[in-house]
Amino acid sequence: MPMPSSNRETRLLRFGVFEVDLAAGELRKNGARIRLQEQPFQVLTALLQNAGQVVTREDLREKIWPADTFVDFDHSLNTAVNKIRESLGDSASSPRFVETLARRGYRFIAPVDSVGAAATGSATGHARKNDSRGNGWRDNDSATSPAADVALHPELHVPVPQRGLVRALFALIQVMYLIFYVSGLAHLHDADRVASSFLPGWRALVIVGAVMVTGAVGIPLRFYLLSAVGFDFRKLGATFGRLFPFILALDQLWAIAPFLLLPQIGVGLAFAATAALLYVPFSERTLIRMAYRLEN
């Protein structure tokens, strides 16, 4: 398991509103100590020191549970990770900090800042000031930036959203396209009429044929993506990445669908709707990246 070269010089590991004091062996939230037993603390430290990387179960066994220790390793590790999540207010289904990689290990997904001993002393001096009423030293609330309390997505550098919300938005986009496809197939005669008014002859038949073929292909695709996000398929990130070129081409074709409603909505709204639909596939990709990180 890779370990940082400056481990001896690092005293604090900070992430969001939490910090781990390696010297004192303490986990703190906004300066308040959180009780965490020794083995869960060691597991958390190993994950923090390798933030963004997969820490395998075997690595943790070798580091924390030596070969001569007779314990139920799987049970002990699972218990330690559960205690870590409980202390951080995290969950296995919607992880903000500790991500489980089935049968492989764990990965700390929030950004982690390392603070050396000298910097820690300086920061502590600035963060505390003498109370003029003789009450000794007290915390200076203004020393903590609100931006430091926000956990950022390690790849997109935006505040980590709730995975449930992200998955719901992605599912709504799939439902929107399903409505497009079903509506387009149900009104082929209207599509033929509108297309014929602009592209007479065989060109109109090409438009109608494109609606039929892409709609017939798009319906099972959207049902697959809906079921995958509904059942929280953990490899959806990699799968969507492979499907994205096809999805992009399909969505760009259907972005011109508002022009089939030209007599009802006019040219201006048709252009506005098409411009919005051109962006949708890229928003789908961003939502997937927020909810499903690619495994290393």
C-alpha atoms as a PDB file:
ATOM      1  CA  MET A   1       0.000   0.000   0.000  1.00  0.00           C
ATOM      2  CA  PRO A   2       1.502   3.364  -0.982  1.00  0.00           C
ATOM      3  CA  MET A   3       2.315   5.625   1.912  1.00  0.00           C
ATOM      4  CA  PRO A   4       3.119   9.348   1.807  1.00  0.00           C
ATOM      5  CA  SER A   5       6.799  10.217   1.935  1.00  0.00           C
ATOM      6  CA  SER A   6       6.278  13.102   4.346  1.00  0.00           C
ATOM      7  CA  ASN A   7       4.286  11.089   6.889  1.00  0.00           C
ATOM      8  CA  ARG A   8       6.534  12.101   9.782  1.00  0.00           C
ATOM      9  CA  GLU A   9       6.158  15.785   8.947  1.00  0.00           C
ATOM     10  CA  THR A  10       2.358  15.642   8.651  1.00  0.00           C
ATOM     11  CA  ARG A  11       0.419  16.219  11.805  1.00  0.00           C
ATOM     12  CA  LEU A  12      -3.108  17.082  10.683  1.00  0.00           C
ATOM     13  CA  LEU A  13      -5.245  15.646   7.901  1.00  0.00           C
ATOM     14  CA  ARG A  14      -8.257  17.831   7.132  1.00  0.00           C
ATOM     15  CA  PHE A  15     -11.366  17.081   5.064  1.00  0.00           C
ATOM     16  CA  GLY A  16     -14.526  19.157   5.142  1.00  0.00           C
ATOM     17  CA  VAL A  17     -15.330  20.106   8.739  1.00  0.00           C
ATOM     18  CA  PHE A  18     -13.247  17.210  10.098  1.00  0.00           C
ATOM     19  CA  GLU A  19      -9.598  16.858  10.978  1.00  0.00           C
ATOM     20  CA  VAL A  20      -7.457  13.961  12.156  1.00  0.00           C
ATOM     21  CA  ASP A  21      -4.596  14.722  14.516  1.00  0.00           C
ATOM     22  CA  LEU A  22      -2.063  11.975  13.876  1.00  0.00           C
ATOM     23  CA  ALA A  23       0.102  12.947  16.821  1.00  0.00           C
ATOM     24  CA  ALA A  24      -2.745  12.946  19.335  1.00  0.00           C
ATOM     25  CA  GLY A  25      -4.661  10.121  17.681  1.00  0.00           C
ATOM     26  CA  GLU A  26      -7.863  12.188  17.621  1.00  0.00           C
ATOM     27  CA  LEU A  27     -10.706  12.813  15.199  1.00  0.00           C
ATOM     28  CA  ARG A  28     -12.289  16.260  15.536  1.00  0.00           C
ATOM     29  CA  LYS A  29     -15.261  18.001  13.970  1.00  0.00           C
ATOM     30  CA  ASN A  30     -15.178  21.797  14.041  1.00  0.00           C
ATOM     31  CA  GLY A  31     -12.594  21.482  16.818  1.00  0.00           C
ATOM     32  CA  ALA A  32     -14.728  19.157  18.973  1.00  0.00           C
ATOM     33  CA  ARG A  33     -13.286  15.711  19.626  1.00  0.00           C
ATOM     34  CA  ILE A  34     -15.219  12.705  18.311  1.00  0.00           C
ATOM     35  CA  ARG A  35     -14.718   9.425  20.114  1.00  0.00           C
ATOM     36  CA  LEU A  36     -13.281   6.775  17.776  1.00  0.00           C
ATOM     37  CA  GLN A  37     -11.679   3.525  18.888  1.00  0.00           C
ATOM     38  CA  GLU A  38      -8.117   2.599  17.982  1.00  0.00           C
ATOM     39  CA  GLN A  39      -8.707   0.185  15.102  1.00  0.00           C
ATOM     40  CA  PRO A  40     -11.337   2.351  13.330  1.00  0.00           C
ATOM     41  CA  PHE A  41      -8.953   5.309  13.762  1.00  0.00           C
ATOM     42  CA  GLN A  42      -6.101   3.342  12.180  1.00  0.00           C
ATOM     43  CA  VAL A  43      -8.328   2.338   9.254  1.00  0.00           C
ATOM     44  CA  LEU A  44      -9.428   5.950   8.789  1.00  0.00           C
ATOM     45  CA  THR A  45      -5.800   7.123   8.878  1.00  0.00           C
ATOM     46  CA  ALA A  46      -4.813   4.579   6.228  1.00  0.00           C
ATOM     47  CA  LEU A  47      -7.665   5.715   3.977  1.00  0.00           C
ATOM     48  CA  LEU A  48      -6.822   9.401   4.471  1.00  0.00           C
ATOM     49  CA  GLN A  49      -3.139   8.874   3.724  1.00  0.00           C
ATOM     50  CA  ASN A  50      -4.166   7.275   0.435  1.00  0.00           C
ATOM     51  CA  ALA A  51      -7.109   9.539  -0.409  1.00  0.00           C
ATOM     52  CA  GLY A  52      -8.459   8.966  -3.905  1.00  0.00           C
ATOM     53  CA  GLN A  53      -6.749   5.570  -4.166  1.00  0.00           C
ATOM     54  CA  VAL A  54      -8.108   2.087  -3.549  1.00  0.00           C
ATOM     55  CA  VAL A  55      -6.917   0.628  -0.246  1.00  0.00           C
ATOM     56  CA  THR A  56      -7.447  -3.112  -0.498  1.00  0.00           C
ATOM     57  CA  ARG A  57      -8.659  -5.299   2.327  1.00  0.00           C
ATOM     58  CA  GLU A  58      -5.342  -7.159   2.235  1.00  0.00           C
ATOM     59  CA  ASP A  59      -3.418  -3.903   2.662  1.00  0.00           C
ATOM     60  CA  LEU A  60      -5.496  -3.084   5.734  1.00  0.00           C
ATOM     61  CA  ARG A  61      -5.025  -6.592   7.110  1.00  0.00           C
ATOM     62  CA  GLU A  62      -1.235  -6.370   6.796  1.00  0.00           C
ATOM     63  CA  LYS A  63      -1.076  -2.875   8.309  1.00  0.00           C
ATOM     64  CA  ILE A  64      -3.571  -3.127  11.176  1.00  0.00           C
ATOM     65  CA  TRP A  65      -4.180  -6.835  11.794  1.00  0.00           C
ATOM     66  CA  PRO A  66      -0.810  -8.668  11.820  1.00  0.00           C
ATOM     67  CA  ALA A  67      -0.657 -12.337  10.871  1.00  0.00           C
ATOM     68  CA  ASP A  68      -0.313 -13.443  14.499  1.00  0.00           C
ATOM     69  CA  THR A  69      -3.560 -11.687  15.506  1.00  0.00           C
ATOM     70  CA  PHE A  70      -6.347 -14.238  15.854  1.00  0.00           C
ATOM     71  CA  VAL A  71      -9.535 -12.319  15.066  1.00  0.00           C
ATOM     72  CA  ASP A  72     -12.354 -12.518  12.557  1.00  0.00           C
ATOM     73  CA  PHE A  73     -10.762 -10.072  10.138  1.00  0.00           C
ATOM     74  CA  ASP A  74     -13.788  -9.535   7.880  1.00  0.00           C
ATOM     75  CA  HIS A  75     -16.071  -8.830  10.816  1.00  0.00           C
ATOM     76  CA  SER A  76     -13.519  -6.561  12.496  1.00  0.00           C
ATOM     77  CA  LEU A  77     -12.890  -4.547   9.327  1.00  0.00           C
ATOM     78  CA  ASN A  78     -16.582  -4.173   8.546  1.00  0.00           C
ATOM     79  CA  THR A  79     -17.223  -3.047  12.122  1.00  0.00           C
ATOM     80  CA  ALA A  80     -14.352  -0.523  11.929  1.00  0.00           C
ATOM     81  CA  VAL A  81     -15.647   0.968   8.658  1.00  0.00           C
ATOM     82  CA  ASN A  82     -19.183   1.183  10.059  1.00  0.00           C
ATOM     83  CA  LYS A  83     -17.870   3.053  13.119  1.00  0.00           C
ATOM     84  CA  ILE A  84     -15.969   5.447  10.831  1.00  0.00           C
ATOM     85  CA  ARG A  85     -19.105   6.158   8.806  1.00  0.00           C
ATOM     86  CA  GLU A  86     -21.115   6.643  11.992  1.00  0.00           C
ATOM     87  CA  SER A  87     -18.575   9.159  13.298  1.00  0.00           C
ATOM     88  CA  LEU A  88     -18.491  11.067   9.986  1.00  0.00           C
ATOM     89  CA  GLY A  89     -22.247  10.965   9.383  1.00  0.00           C
ATOM     90  CA  ASP A  90     -21.577   8.991   6.196  1.00  0.00           C
ATOM     91  CA  SER A  91     -23.457   6.095   4.604  1.00  0.00           C
ATOM     92  CA  ALA A  92     -22.529   3.148   2.411  1.00  0.00           C
ATOM     93  CA  SER A  93     -25.379   3.765  -0.056  1.00  0.00           C
ATOM     94  CA  SER A  94     -24.612   7.476  -0.573  1.00  0.00           C
ATOM     95  CA  PRO A  95     -20.963   7.893   0.427  1.00  0.00           C
ATOM     96  CA  ARG A  96     -19.477  11.351   0.873  1.00  0.00           C
ATOM     97  CA  PHE A  97     -16.229  10.145   2.414  1.00  0.00           C
ATOM     98  CA  VAL A  98     -15.678   6.358   2.440  1.00  0.00           C
ATOM     99  CA  GLU A  99     -16.593   4.461  -0.712  1.00  0.00           C
ATOM    100  CA  THR A 100     -16.845   0.659  -0.690  1.00  0.00           C
ATOM    101  CA  LEU A 101     -15.447  -1.235  -3.675  1.00  0.00           C
ATOM    102  CA  ALA A 102     -17.067  -4.655  -3.536  1.00  0.00           C
ATOM    103  CA  ARG A 103     -14.617  -7.488  -2.817  1.00  0.00           C
ATOM    104  CA  ARG A 104     -11.692  -5.094  -3.279  1.00  0.00           C
ATOM    105  CA  GLY A 105     -11.488  -2.600  -0.457  1.00  0.00           C
ATOM    106  CA  TYR A 106     -12.251   1.046   0.259  1.00  0.00           C
ATOM    107  CA  ARG A 107     -11.453   4.489  -1.087  1.00  0.00           C
ATOM    108  CA  PHE A 108     -11.621   7.906   0.600  1.00  0.00           C
ATOM    109  CA  ILE A 109     -13.339  10.108  -2.005  1.00  0.00           C
ATOM    110  CA  ALA A 110     -13.323  13.557  -0.370  1.00  0.00           C
ATOM    111  CA  PRO A 111     -10.352  15.941  -0.806  1.00  0.00           C
ATOM    112  CA  VAL A 112      -7.829  15.753   2.040  1.00  0.00           C
ATOM    113  CA  ASP A 113      -5.415  18.515   3.055  1.00  0.00           C
ATOM    114  CA  SER A 114      -2.192  17.695   4.897  1.00  0.00           C
ATOM    115  CA  VAL A 115      -0.887  20.231   7.430  1.00  0.00           C
ATOM    116  CA  GLY A 116       2.665  20.036   8.757  1.00  0.00           C
ATOM    117  CA  ALA A 117       3.573  20.524  12.398  1.00  0.00           C
ATOM    118  CA  ALA A 118       4.921  24.044  11.870  1.00  0.00           C
ATOM    119  CA  ALA A 119       1.889  25.115   9.914  1.00  0.00           C
ATOM    120  CA  THR A 120      -0.343  23.605  12.581  1.00  0.00           C
ATOM    121  CA  GLY A 121       1.261  25.685  15.297  1.00  0.00           C
ATOM    122  CA  SER A 122       0.899  28.841  13.230  1.00  0.00           C
ATOM    123  CA  ALA A 123      -2.706  28.105  12.333  1.00  0.00           C
ATOM    124  CA  THR A 124      -3.533  27.363  15.947  1.00  0.00           C
ATOM    125  CA  GLY A 125      -2.039  30.687  17.017  1.00  0.00           C
ATOM    126  CA  HIS A 126      -4.202  32.564  14.543  1.00  0.00           C
ATOM    127  CA  ALA A 127      -7.310  30.537  15.296  1.00  0.00           C
ATOM    128  CA  ARG A 128      -7.270  31.311  19.024  1.00  0.00           C
ATOM    129  CA  LYS A 129      -7.081  34.630  20.825  1.00  0.00           C
ATOM    130  CA  ASN A 130      -7.014  35.814  24.383  1.00  0.00           C
ATOM    131  CA  ASP A 131     -10.365  36.660  25.944  1.00  0.00           C
ATOM    132  CA  SER A 132     -10.124  40.208  27.309  1.00  0.00           C
ATOM    133  CA  ARG A 133     -12.402  39.269  30.221  1.00  0.00           C
ATOM    134  CA  GLY A 134      -9.772  36.924  31.616  1.00  0.00           C
ATOM    135  CA  ASN A 135     -11.314  33.649  30.492  1.00  0.00           C
ATOM    136  CA  GLY A 136      -8.085  32.527  28.843  1.00  0.00           C
ATOM    137  CA  TRP A 137      -7.812  31.424  25.261  1.00  0.00           C
ATOM    138  CA  ARG A 138     -10.901  30.904  23.122  1.00  0.00           C
ATOM    139  CA  ASP A 139     -11.525  29.892  19.512  1.00  0.00           C
ATOM    140  CA  ASN A 140     -11.643  32.632  16.904  1.00  0.00           C
ATOM    141  CA  ASP A 141     -14.696  31.723  14.791  1.00  0.00           C
ATOM    142  CA  SER A 142     -13.617  34.033  11.986  1.00  0.00           C
ATOM    143  CA  ALA A 143     -10.447  31.992  11.428  1.00  0.00           C
ATOM    144  CA  THR A 144     -12.363  29.187   9.737  1.00  0.00           C
ATOM    145  CA  SER A 145     -13.398  29.887   6.181  1.00  0.00           C
ATOM    146  CA  PRO A 146     -16.888  28.638   5.256  1.00  0.00           C
ATOM    147  CA  ALA A 147     -15.424  27.303   2.013  1.00  0.00           C
ATOM    148  CA  ALA A 148     -13.206  24.922   3.996  1.00  0.00           C
ATOM    149  CA  ASP A 149     -16.322  23.293   5.494  1.00  0.00           C
ATOM    150  CA  VAL A 150     -17.553  22.112   2.099  1.00  0.00           C
ATOM    151  CA  ALA A 151     -16.387  18.752   0.770  1.00  0.00           C
ATOM    152  CA  LEU A 152     -15.527  18.976  -2.925  1.00  0.00           C
ATOM    153  CA  HIS A 153     -15.949  16.304  -5.564  1.00  0.00           C
ATOM    154  CA  PRO A 154     -12.416  14.984  -6.257  1.00  0.00           C
ATOM    155  CA  GLU A 155     -12.846  15.045 -10.055  1.00  0.00           C
ATOM    156  CA  LEU A 156     -15.295  17.876 -10.785  1.00  0.00           C
ATOM    157  CA  HIS A 157     -14.201  20.244  -7.970  1.00  0.00           C
ATOM    158  CA  VAL A 158     -17.776  21.130  -7.026  1.00  0.00           C
ATOM    159  CA  PRO A 159     -19.480  20.562  -3.646  1.00  0.00           C
ATOM    160  CA  VAL A 160     -20.333  16.882  -3.277  1.00  0.00           C
ATOM    161  CA  PRO A 161     -24.102  16.562  -3.927  1.00  0.00           C
ATOM    162  CA  GLN A 162     -26.499  14.006  -2.532  1.00  0.00           C
ATOM    163  CA  ARG A 163     -26.296  10.938  -4.756  1.00  0.00           C
ATOM    164  CA  GLY A 164     -30.031  10.372  -4.432  1.00  0.00           C
ATOM    165  CA  LEU A 165     -30.757  13.798  -5.911  1.00  0.00           C
ATOM    166  CA  VAL A 166     -28.241  13.337  -8.737  1.00  0.00           C
ATOM    167  CA  ARG A 167     -29.660   9.922  -9.638  1.00  0.00           C
ATOM    168  CA  ALA A 168     -33.209  11.315  -9.570  1.00  0.00           C
ATOM    169  CA  LEU A 169     -32.268  14.107 -11.984  1.00  0.00           C
ATOM    170  CA  PHE A 170     -30.636  11.604 -14.323  1.00  0.00           C
ATOM    171  CA  ALA A 171     -33.733   9.392 -14.185  1.00  0.00           C
ATOM    172  CA  LEU A 172     -35.982  12.358 -15.007  1.00  0.00           C
ATOM    173  CA  ILE A 173     -33.930  13.042 -18.144  1.00  0.00           C
ATOM    174  CA  GLN A 174     -34.435   9.436 -19.246  1.00  0.00           C
ATOM    175  CA  VAL A 175     -38.178   9.750 -18.669  1.00  0.00           C
ATOM    176  CA  MET A 176     -38.188  12.953 -20.744  1.00  0.00           C
ATOM    177  CA  TYR A 177     -36.578  11.170 -23.690  1.00  0.00           C
ATOM    178  CA  LEU A 178     -38.983   8.244 -23.339  1.00  0.00           C
ATOM    179  CA  ILE A 179     -41.863  10.709 -23.657  1.00  0.00           C
ATOM    180  CA  PHE A 180     -40.206  12.187 -26.754  1.00  0.00           C
ATOM    181  CA  TYR A 181     -39.820   8.769 -28.385  1.00  0.00           C
ATOM    182  CA  VAL A 182     -43.317   7.526 -27.593  1.00  0.00           C
ATOM    183  CA  SER A 183     -44.892  10.812 -28.642  1.00  0.00           C
ATOM    184  CA  GLY A 184     -42.884  10.884 -31.879  1.00  0.00           C
ATOM    185  CA  LEU A 185     -43.853   7.314 -32.791  1.00  0.00           C
ATOM    186  CA  ALA A 186     -47.490   7.944 -31.888  1.00  0.00           C
ATOM    187  CA  HIS A 187     -47.668  11.006 -34.181  1.00  0.00           C
ATOM    188  CA  LEU A 188     -45.735   9.814 -37.223  1.00  0.00           C
ATOM    189  CA  HIS A 189     -48.411  11.228 -39.525  1.00  0.00           C
ATOM    190  CA  ASP A 190     -47.936  14.678 -37.996  1.00  0.00           C
ATOM    191  CA  ALA A 191     -44.167  14.350 -38.327  1.00  0.00           C
ATOM    192  CA  ASP A 192     -44.623  13.365 -41.991  1.00  0.00           C
ATOM    193  CA  ARG A 193     -46.901  16.344 -42.585  1.00  0.00           C
ATOM    194  CA  VAL A 194     -44.518  18.856 -40.999  1.00  0.00           C
ATOM    195  CA  ALA A 195     -41.462  17.355 -42.706  1.00  0.00           C
ATOM    196  CA  SER A 196     -43.224  17.363 -46.087  1.00  0.00           C
ATOM    197  CA  SER A 197     -43.986  21.052 -45.776  1.00  0.00           C
ATOM    198  CA  PHE A 198     -40.251  21.832 -45.606  1.00  0.00           C
ATOM    199  CA  LEU A 199     -38.634  18.869 -47.375  1.00  0.00           C
ATOM    200  CA  PRO A 200     -40.911  17.511 -50.085  1.00  0.00           C
ATOM    201  CA  GLY A 201     -40.451  14.097 -51.618  1.00  0.00           C
ATOM    202  CA  TRP A 202     -38.028  11.459 -50.382  1.00  0.00           C
ATOM    203  CA  ARG A 203     -36.333  13.816 -47.896  1.00  0.00           C
ATOM    204  CA  ALA A 204     -39.480  13.878 -45.773  1.00  0.00           C
ATOM    205  CA  LEU A 205     -39.508  10.070 -45.789  1.00  0.00           C
ATOM    206  CA  VAL A 206     -35.939  10.121 -44.488  1.00  0.00           C
ATOM    207  CA  ILE A 207     -37.019  12.280 -41.547  1.00  0.00           C
ATOM    208  CA  VAL A 208     -39.935   9.976 -40.748  1.00  0.00           C
ATOM    209  CA  GLY A 209     -37.692   6.926 -41.044  1.00  0.00           C
ATOM    210  CA  ALA A 210     -35.139   8.506 -38.705  1.00  0.00           C
ATOM    211  CA  VAL A 211     -37.874   9.142 -36.143  1.00  0.00           C
ATOM    212  CA  MET A 212     -38.990   5.506 -36.340  1.00  0.00           C
ATOM    213  CA  VAL A 213     -35.524   3.953 -36.136  1.00  0.00           C
ATOM    214  CA  THR A 214     -34.046   6.205 -33.435  1.00  0.00           C
ATOM    215  CA  GLY A 215     -37.237   6.060 -31.387  1.00  0.00           C
ATOM    216  CA  ALA A 216     -37.313   2.262 -31.559  1.00  0.00           C
ATOM    217  CA  VAL A 217     -33.638   2.083 -30.530  1.00  0.00           C
ATOM    218  CA  GLY A 218     -33.893   4.827 -27.919  1.00  0.00           C
ATOM    219  CA  ILE A 219     -36.766   3.285 -25.936  1.00  0.00           C
ATOM    220  CA  PRO A 220     -34.856   0.166 -24.753  1.00  0.00           C
ATOM    221  CA  LEU A 221     -31.745   2.291 -24.171  1.00  0.00           C
ATOM    222  CA  ARG A 222     -33.633   4.639 -21.842  1.00  0.00           C
ATOM    223  CA  PHE A 223     -35.262   1.726 -20.022  1.00  0.00           C
ATOM    224  CA  TYR A 224     -31.803   0.241 -19.471  1.00  0.00           C
ATOM    225  CA  LEU A 225     -30.428   3.505 -18.063  1.00  0.00           C
ATOM    226  CA  LEU A 226     -33.521   3.935 -15.874  1.00  0.00           C
ATOM    227  CA  SER A 227     -33.172   0.441 -14.416  1.00  0.00           C
ATOM    228  CA  ALA A 228     -29.416   0.849 -13.950  1.00  0.00           C
ATOM    229  CA  VAL A 229     -29.742   4.086 -11.990  1.00  0.00           C
ATOM    230  CA  GLY A 230     -32.817   2.796 -10.157  1.00  0.00           C
ATOM    231  CA  PHE A 231     -30.971  -0.286  -8.892  1.00  0.00           C
ATOM    232  CA  ASP A 232     -27.812   1.799  -8.361  1.00  0.00           C
ATOM    233  CA  PHE A 233     -25.634  -0.272 -10.712  1.00  0.00           C
ATOM    234  CA  ARG A 234     -22.145   0.564  -9.450  1.00  0.00           C
ATOM    235  CA  LYS A 235     -20.446   0.163 -12.836  1.00  0.00           C
ATOM    236  CA  LEU A 236     -22.853   2.564 -14.540  1.00  0.00           C
ATOM    237  CA  GLY A 237     -20.091   5.186 -14.783  1.00  0.00           C
ATOM    238  CA  ALA A 238     -17.882   2.978 -16.951  1.00  0.00           C
ATOM    239  CA  THR A 239     -20.841   1.635 -18.935  1.00  0.00           C
ATOM    240  CA  PHE A 240     -22.204   5.109 -19.646  1.00  0.00           C
ATOM    241  CA  GLY A 241     -18.728   6.222 -20.748  1.00  0.00           C
ATOM    242  CA  ARG A 242     -18.697   3.493 -23.399  1.00  0.00           C
ATOM    243  CA  LEU A 243     -22.256   4.299 -24.499  1.00  0.00           C
ATOM    244  CA  PHE A 244     -21.772   8.066 -24.516  1.00  0.00           C
ATOM    245  CA  PRO A 245     -20.732   8.489 -28.200  1.00  0.00           C
ATOM    246  CA  PHE A 246     -23.884   6.676 -29.298  1.00  0.00           C
ATOM    247  CA  ILE A 247     -26.051   8.535 -26.757  1.00  0.00           C
ATOM    248  CA  LEU A 248     -24.556  11.847 -27.886  1.00  0.00           C
ATOM    249  CA  ALA A 249     -25.371  11.155 -31.545  1.00  0.00           C
ATOM    250  CA  LEU A 250     -28.893   9.998 -30.674  1.00  0.00           C
ATOM    251  CA  ASP A 251     -29.607  12.997 -28.446  1.00  0.00           C
ATOM    252  CA  GLN A 252     -28.247  15.448 -30.997  1.00  0.00           C
ATOM    253  CA  LEU A 253     -30.610  14.019 -33.607  1.00  0.00           C
ATOM    254  CA  TRP A 254     -33.589  14.346 -31.286  1.00  0.00           C
ATOM    255  CA  ALA A 255     -32.559  17.885 -30.371  1.00  0.00           C
ATOM    256  CA  ILE A 256     -34.248  19.012 -33.609  1.00  0.00           C
ATOM    257  CA  ALA A 257     -37.552  17.466 -32.482  1.00  0.00           C
ATOM    258  CA  PRO A 258     -38.995  20.877 -31.431  1.00  0.00           C
ATOM    259  CA  PHE A 259     -39.010  21.886 -35.115  1.00  0.00           C
ATOM    260  CA  LEU A 260     -41.678  19.238 -35.685  1.00  0.00           C
ATOM    261  CA  LEU A 261     -43.894  21.463 -33.527  1.00  0.00           C
ATOM    262  CA  LEU A 262     -43.038  24.567 -35.501  1.00  0.00           C
ATOM    263  CA  PRO A 263     -46.661  25.452 -36.379  1.00  0.00           C
ATOM    264  CA  GLN A 264     -47.602  25.346 -32.697  1.00  0.00           C
ATOM    265  CA  ILE A 265     -44.604  26.963 -30.971  1.00  0.00           C
ATOM    266  CA  GLY A 266     -43.010  29.161 -33.643  1.00  0.00           C
ATOM    267  CA  VAL A 267     -39.414  29.537 -34.768  1.00  0.00           C
ATOM    268  CA  GLY A 268     -38.117  31.291 -31.645  1.00  0.00           C
ATOM    269  CA  LEU A 269     -39.241  28.649 -29.149  1.00  0.00           C
ATOM    270  CA  ALA A 270     -38.126  25.883 -31.490  1.00  0.00           C
ATOM    271  CA  PHE A 271     -34.583  27.299 -31.574  1.00  0.00           C
ATOM    272  CA  ALA A 272     -34.563  27.813 -27.788  1.00  0.00           C
ATOM    273  CA  ALA A 273     -35.750  24.257 -27.102  1.00  0.00           C
ATOM    274  CA  THR A 274     -33.230  22.809 -29.544  1.00  0.00           C
ATOM    275  CA  ALA A 275     -30.383  24.754 -27.930  1.00  0.00           C
ATOM    276  CA  ALA A 276     -31.353  23.375 -24.514  1.00  0.00           C
ATOM    277  CA  LEU A 277     -31.625  19.804 -25.809  1.00  0.00           C
ATOM    278  CA  LEU A 278     -28.183  20.031 -27.415  1.00  0.00           C
ATOM    279  CA  TYR A 279     -26.697  20.476 -23.924  1.00  0.00           C
ATOM    280  CA  VAL A 280     -28.657  17.657 -22.245  1.00  0.00           C
ATOM    281  CA  PRO A 281     -26.309  14.745 -23.125  1.00  0.00           C
ATOM    282  CA  PHE A 282     -23.392  16.598 -21.552  1.00  0.00           C
ATOM    283  CA  SER A 283     -25.436  17.214 -18.415  1.00  0.00           C
ATOM    284  CA  GLU A 284     -26.216  13.472 -18.331  1.00  0.00           C
ATOM    285  CA  ARG A 285     -22.488  12.723 -18.405  1.00  0.00           C
ATOM    286  CA  THR A 286     -21.826  15.188 -15.589  1.00  0.00           C
ATOM    287  CA  LEU A 287     -24.588  13.699 -13.432  1.00  0.00           C
ATOM    288  CA  ILE A 288     -23.155  10.225 -13.955  1.00  0.00           C
ATOM    289  CA  ARG A 289     -19.676  11.428 -12.975  1.00  0.00           C
ATOM    290  CA  MET A 290     -21.131  12.950  -9.806  1.00  0.00           C
ATOM    291  CA  ALA A 291     -22.877   9.746  -8.774  1.00  0.00           C
ATOM    292  CA  TYR A 292     -20.543   7.064 -10.136  1.00  0.00           C
ATOM    293  CA  ARG A 293     -16.796   7.438 -10.021  1.00  0.00           C
ATOM    294  CA  LEU A 294     -14.699   5.395 -12.422  1.00  0.00           C
ATOM    295  CA  GLU A 295     -12.713   2.711 -10.622  1.00  0.00           C
ATOM    296  CA  ASN A 296      -8.952   2.871 -10.892  1.00  0.00           C
END
